[in-house]
């Protein structure tokens, strides 16, 4: 199993997962179809399926165009709001692409229909991988938008947090630096946070992706997976895990010093730049 990391838009990641024996490929979160097809052509693989984590435009907007360009393409996900959806998946469902197994893990929190995908190969020494979209990111998680804190806790800690520690985490955005700066505020004495932050700054200077991490690493420095740890509880002033998580989400939102979320006009401009929209022809 080969994973191609494809940076697109402002800070998104698409992924191309290649079964190296059959040369079949599966894409995850298609935002820019033309860019994806460039990689497909370069790798000489057959793209048969799209796995979409959630319906937001920067993860699913390219599905419709890609399905038009590749008749017979299968588009899978757990939310009926996903563009060009072929079939709706359910939690625990398993798929197979050659030697690659896929277990579908419903991880509501960022959206109610968010699905993460756990991939592995039988009798393979390579570690498994999880494509977590906006449910789990390096040292952070997506904004809590559509579900309760209890549901988000279950997704992060009980569903994703119990995967094998060697699992590679391929998330949907490059938010690592900001996430680690917040993690340092939560746990200023956590040496794992300090080391990872120093590493991430160097990656940022070199303009190199910080994905993937591993789940074992995330458990050491990601505050959203560490809600039972005393320093994290002390920071939030709460004890119950879901309440700790809710305060963390609120504090993280106020902490972020990055630019405000893109306004609709800016989103449209960004989409135009990446070939997702066409300018109207003058009459």
Protein backbone atom coordinates (compact mmCIF):
# COMPACT_ATOMS: atom_id res chain seq x y z
CA UNK A 1 0.00 0.00 0.00
CA UNK A 2 1.46 3.28 -1.16
CA UNK A 3 0.04 6.63 -0.03
CA UNK A 4 0.56 9.80 -2.04
CA UNK A 5 0.10 12.99 -0.01
CA UNK A 6 -1.34 15.75 -2.23
CA UNK A 7 -1.43 19.29 -0.79
CA UNK A 8 -4.19 21.47 -2.32
CA UNK A 9 -6.09 24.71 -1.69
CA UNK A 10 -4.92 26.76 1.28
CA UNK A 11 -3.98 23.91 3.64
CA UNK A 12 -5.94 20.81 2.59
CA UNK A 13 -4.68 17.32 1.87
CA UNK A 14 -6.03 14.86 -0.68
CA UNK A 15 -4.66 11.34 -0.71
CA UNK A 16 -4.16 8.68 -3.36
CA UNK A 17 -3.89 5.15 -1.95
CA UNK A 18 -2.34 2.66 -4.37
CA UNK A 19 -2.60 -1.13 -4.23
CA UNK A 20 0.84 -1.88 -5.61
CA UNK A 21 0.09 -5.37 -7.00
CA UNK A 22 -3.14 -4.62 -8.88
CA UNK A 23 -2.32 -0.93 -9.51
CA UNK A 24 -5.84 -0.05 -8.39
CA UNK A 25 -6.12 3.30 -6.62
CA UNK A 26 -8.51 4.86 -4.14
CA UNK A 27 -8.70 8.62 -3.52
CA UNK A 28 -9.55 10.25 -0.21
CA UNK A 29 -11.27 13.68 -0.06
CA UNK A 30 -11.18 14.94 -3.62
CA UNK A 31 -11.10 18.73 -3.57
CA UNK A 32 -9.21 19.37 -6.84
CA UNK A 33 -9.90 16.63 -9.41
CA UNK A 34 -7.51 17.88 -12.09
CA UNK A 35 -4.59 17.79 -9.67
CA UNK A 36 -5.58 14.31 -8.55
CA UNK A 37 -5.76 13.05 -12.14
CA UNK A 38 -2.26 14.40 -12.80
CA UNK A 39 -0.95 12.19 -10.00
CA UNK A 40 -3.05 9.21 -11.18
CA UNK A 41 -1.56 9.53 -14.67
CA UNK A 42 1.97 9.92 -13.38
CA UNK A 43 1.62 6.82 -11.20
CA UNK A 44 0.01 4.77 -13.98
CA UNK A 45 -2.84 3.48 -11.82
CA UNK A 46 -6.56 2.91 -12.27
CA UNK A 47 -8.70 5.10 -10.00
CA UNK A 48 -11.88 3.22 -9.12
CA UNK A 49 -13.16 4.67 -5.86
CA UNK A 50 -13.38 7.86 -3.81
CA UNK A 51 -13.65 7.73 -0.03
CA UNK A 52 -15.04 11.01 1.32
CA UNK A 53 -14.74 11.80 5.02
CA UNK A 54 -17.43 14.51 5.10
CA UNK A 55 -19.49 16.82 2.94
CA UNK A 56 -17.66 20.15 3.32
CA UNK A 57 -16.71 21.73 0.00
CA UNK A 58 -12.96 21.54 0.56
CA UNK A 59 -13.19 17.76 0.97
CA UNK A 60 -15.94 16.79 -1.47
CA UNK A 61 -16.34 19.57 -4.04
CA UNK A 62 -14.31 17.70 -6.67
CA UNK A 63 -16.42 14.53 -6.64
CA UNK A 64 -18.92 15.70 -9.25
CA UNK A 65 -16.32 16.70 -11.83
CA UNK A 66 -14.25 13.59 -11.18
CA UNK A 67 -17.30 11.35 -11.64
CA UNK A 68 -18.01 13.10 -14.94
CA UNK A 69 -14.46 12.53 -16.14
CA UNK A 70 -14.35 8.90 -14.96
CA UNK A 71 -17.67 7.14 -15.75
CA UNK A 72 -18.30 4.28 -13.35
CA UNK A 73 -16.34 5.89 -10.51
CA UNK A 74 -17.67 4.84 -7.09
CA UNK A 75 -18.04 7.65 -4.53
CA UNK A 76 -18.51 6.49 -0.95
CA UNK A 77 -19.20 8.26 2.34
CA UNK A 78 -21.57 8.37 5.30
CA UNK A 79 -23.45 11.60 4.62
CA UNK A 80 -26.09 12.16 1.96
CA UNK A 81 -24.84 15.74 1.60
CA UNK A 82 -21.64 14.47 -0.09
CA UNK A 83 -21.42 15.48 -3.75
CA UNK A 84 -21.99 12.67 -6.30
CA UNK A 85 -22.41 10.05 -3.56
CA UNK A 86 -22.84 6.56 -5.03
CA UNK A 87 -23.53 4.66 -1.83
CA UNK A 88 -23.87 5.59 1.82
CA UNK A 89 -21.59 3.70 4.19
CA UNK A 90 -22.36 2.60 7.74
CA UNK A 91 -20.17 2.33 10.81
CA UNK A 92 -18.13 -0.87 10.93
CA UNK A 93 -18.61 -1.71 7.27
CA UNK A 94 -15.55 -3.24 5.61
CA UNK A 95 -14.37 -2.79 2.03
CA UNK A 96 -11.65 -4.51 0.04
CA UNK A 97 -9.37 -3.21 -2.70
CA UNK A 98 -7.02 -6.02 -3.69
CA UNK A 99 -4.93 -6.70 -0.61
CA UNK A 100 -6.08 -3.50 1.11
CA UNK A 101 -8.78 -3.78 3.78
CA UNK A 102 -10.83 -0.71 4.73
CA UNK A 103 -12.86 -0.45 7.93
CA UNK A 104 -15.32 2.46 7.99
CA UNK A 105 -15.42 4.28 11.33
CA UNK A 106 -18.19 6.78 11.95
CA UNK A 107 -16.59 9.70 13.80
CA UNK A 108 -19.18 12.45 14.32
CA UNK A 109 -18.10 15.72 15.86
CA UNK A 110 -16.92 18.05 13.14
CA UNK A 111 -20.00 16.97 11.18
CA UNK A 112 -22.73 14.49 12.06
CA UNK A 113 -21.90 12.24 9.12
CA UNK A 114 -18.10 12.24 9.37
CA UNK A 115 -16.48 8.92 8.43
CA UNK A 116 -12.84 7.97 9.03
CA UNK A 117 -11.19 5.10 7.15
CA UNK A 118 -8.84 2.55 8.73
CA UNK A 119 -6.71 0.72 6.16
CA UNK A 120 -4.41 -2.28 6.48
CA UNK A 121 -3.00 -5.21 4.52
CA UNK A 122 -2.83 -8.84 5.64
CA UNK A 123 0.63 -10.29 6.26
CA UNK A 124 2.28 -6.92 5.68
CA UNK A 125 4.98 -5.42 7.88
CA UNK A 126 3.91 -1.87 7.06
CA UNK A 127 1.79 -0.21 9.75
CA UNK A 128 -1.92 0.42 9.17
CA UNK A 129 -3.24 3.88 8.35
CA UNK A 130 -6.26 5.97 9.26
CA UNK A 131 -7.58 8.75 7.06
CA UNK A 132 -9.24 10.93 9.65
CA UNK A 133 -10.37 13.97 7.66
CA UNK A 134 -11.33 16.69 10.13
CA UNK A 135 -12.08 14.34 13.02
CA UNK A 136 -8.45 14.06 14.15
CA UNK A 137 -5.46 16.11 13.02
CA UNK A 138 -1.83 16.28 14.07
CA UNK A 139 -1.97 17.56 17.67
CA UNK A 140 -5.57 18.65 17.29
CA UNK A 141 -9.02 17.96 15.90
CA UNK A 142 -11.63 19.65 13.74
CA UNK A 143 -14.01 22.29 15.02
CA UNK A 144 -16.95 20.95 17.01
CA UNK A 145 -19.85 21.85 14.71
CA UNK A 146 -22.79 19.46 14.48
CA UNK A 147 -22.85 17.03 17.42
CA UNK A 148 -22.52 16.94 21.20
CA UNK A 149 -19.23 16.96 23.07
CA UNK A 150 -20.05 13.45 24.28
CA UNK A 151 -20.31 12.19 20.71
CA UNK A 152 -17.08 13.93 19.78
CA UNK A 153 -15.35 12.38 22.80
CA UNK A 154 -16.53 8.94 21.70
CA UNK A 155 -15.21 9.53 18.18
CA UNK A 156 -11.81 10.79 19.27
CA UNK A 157 -11.00 8.75 22.34
CA UNK A 158 -13.02 5.56 22.06
CA UNK A 159 -13.07 5.04 18.28
CA UNK A 160 -9.86 6.57 16.91
CA UNK A 161 -7.90 6.56 20.16
CA UNK A 162 -8.12 2.78 20.51
CA UNK A 163 -6.61 1.96 17.10
CA UNK A 164 -3.14 0.35 17.17
CA UNK A 165 -0.53 2.88 18.33
CA UNK A 166 1.58 2.34 15.21
CA UNK A 167 -1.31 3.49 12.99
CA UNK A 168 -0.28 6.32 10.66
CA UNK A 169 -2.62 9.30 10.89
CA UNK A 170 -3.36 11.05 7.59
CA UNK A 171 -5.54 14.07 8.38
CA UNK A 172 -7.37 16.60 6.22
CA UNK A 173 -5.46 19.83 6.92
CA UNK A 174 -2.01 21.22 7.63
CA UNK A 175 -2.82 22.83 10.98
CA UNK A 176 0.01 21.26 12.94
CA UNK A 177 1.91 24.37 13.98
CA UNK A 178 -1.13 26.16 15.40
CA UNK A 179 -2.36 22.97 17.05
CA UNK A 180 0.96 22.47 18.84
CA UNK A 181 1.10 26.08 19.97
CA UNK A 182 -2.27 25.55 21.62
CA UNK A 183 -1.15 22.20 23.05
CA UNK A 184 1.81 23.98 24.64
CA UNK A 185 -0.57 26.41 26.30
CA UNK A 186 -2.59 23.50 27.67
CA UNK A 187 0.46 21.52 28.87
CA UNK A 188 3.47 23.87 29.10
CA UNK A 189 5.55 21.20 30.84
CA UNK A 190 4.89 18.45 28.29
CA UNK A 191 8.27 17.68 26.68
CA UNK A 192 6.63 15.73 23.85
CA UNK A 193 4.74 18.88 22.86
CA UNK A 194 7.92 20.96 22.98
CA UNK A 195 9.85 18.50 20.82
CA UNK A 196 7.06 18.14 18.27
CA UNK A 197 6.60 21.91 18.07
CA UNK A 198 10.30 22.42 17.36
CA UNK A 199 10.11 19.76 14.65
CA UNK A 200 6.95 21.27 13.12
CA UNK A 201 8.52 24.74 12.94
CA UNK A 202 11.40 23.31 10.91
CA UNK A 203 8.96 21.52 8.59
CA UNK A 204 7.03 24.75 8.16
CA UNK A 205 10.19 26.68 7.28
CA UNK A 206 11.03 24.04 4.67
CA UNK A 207 7.41 23.98 3.39
CA UNK A 208 7.19 20.22 3.98
CA UNK A 209 4.02 18.39 5.15
CA UNK A 210 3.85 17.24 8.76
CA UNK A 211 1.64 14.24 7.90
CA UNK A 212 1.53 11.49 8.77
CA UNK A 213 1.94 11.24 12.51
CA UNK A 214 1.17 8.05 14.42
CA UNK A 215 -1.60 7.44 16.89
CA UNK A 216 0.98 6.57 19.56
CA UNK A 217 2.57 9.98 19.09
CA UNK A 218 -0.80 11.73 19.20
CA UNK A 219 -1.54 10.18 22.58
CA UNK A 220 1.60 11.90 23.91
CA UNK A 221 0.94 15.47 22.77
CA UNK A 222 -2.59 15.90 21.40
CA UNK A 223 -4.68 17.48 24.20
CA UNK A 224 -7.94 16.33 22.58
CA UNK A 225 -6.85 12.71 23.10
CA UNK A 226 -5.50 13.46 26.59
CA UNK A 227 -8.71 14.58 28.30
CA UNK A 228 -8.15 12.14 31.17
CA UNK A 229 -4.69 13.54 31.97
CA UNK A 230 -4.42 15.71 35.08
CA UNK A 231 -2.67 18.70 33.42
CA UNK A 232 -5.38 18.87 30.77
CA UNK A 233 -8.14 18.63 33.36
CA UNK A 234 -6.48 21.35 35.40
CA UNK A 235 -6.29 23.64 32.37
CA UNK A 236 -10.02 23.25 31.70
CA UNK A 237 -11.20 23.16 35.30
CA UNK A 238 -13.31 20.11 34.47
CA UNK A 239 -13.11 16.40 35.28
CA UNK A 240 -15.71 14.61 33.12
CA UNK A 241 -14.00 13.78 29.78
CA UNK A 242 -16.74 15.25 27.56
CA UNK A 243 -16.73 18.47 29.60
CA UNK A 244 -12.94 18.68 29.37
CA UNK A 245 -13.21 18.27 25.61
CA UNK A 246 -15.90 20.93 25.32
CA UNK A 247 -13.78 23.48 27.17
CA UNK A 248 -10.73 22.58 25.08
CA UNK A 249 -12.68 23.22 21.88
CA UNK A 250 -13.87 26.58 23.18
CA UNK A 251 -10.42 27.61 24.39
CA UNK A 252 -8.79 26.50 21.16
CA UNK A 253 -11.23 28.59 19.12
CA UNK A 254 -10.38 31.73 21.11
CA UNK A 255 -6.66 30.95 21.04
CA UNK A 256 -6.29 30.65 17.30
CA UNK A 257 -4.39 33.57 15.91
CA UNK A 258 -4.64 32.46 12.32
CA UNK A 259 -6.73 34.34 9.79
CA UNK A 260 -10.48 34.26 10.09
CA UNK A 261 -12.20 31.45 8.15
CA UNK A 262 -12.50 32.24 4.48
CA UNK A 263 -15.58 34.27 3.59
CA UNK A 264 -17.78 33.00 0.73
CA UNK A 265 -16.18 35.43 -1.75
CA UNK A 266 -12.70 34.25 -0.79
CA UNK A 267 -13.81 30.62 -0.99
CA UNK A 268 -15.08 31.21 -4.51
CA UNK A 269 -11.80 32.87 -5.52
CA UNK A 270 -9.78 30.01 -4.08
CA UNK A 271 -11.98 27.48 -5.89
CA UNK A 272 -11.54 29.42 -9.13
CA UNK A 273 -7.77 29.41 -8.74
CA UNK A 274 -7.79 25.62 -8.36
CA UNK A 275 -10.05 25.07 -11.34
CA UNK A 276 -13.14 24.13 -9.36
CA UNK A 277 -15.27 26.95 -10.81
CA UNK A 278 -15.49 28.59 -14.19
CA UNK A 279 -15.77 32.31 -14.82
CA UNK A 280 -19.04 33.24 -16.55
CA UNK A 281 -18.56 34.11 -20.19
CA UNK A 282 -19.29 37.73 -21.07
CA UNK A 283 -22.60 38.19 -22.89
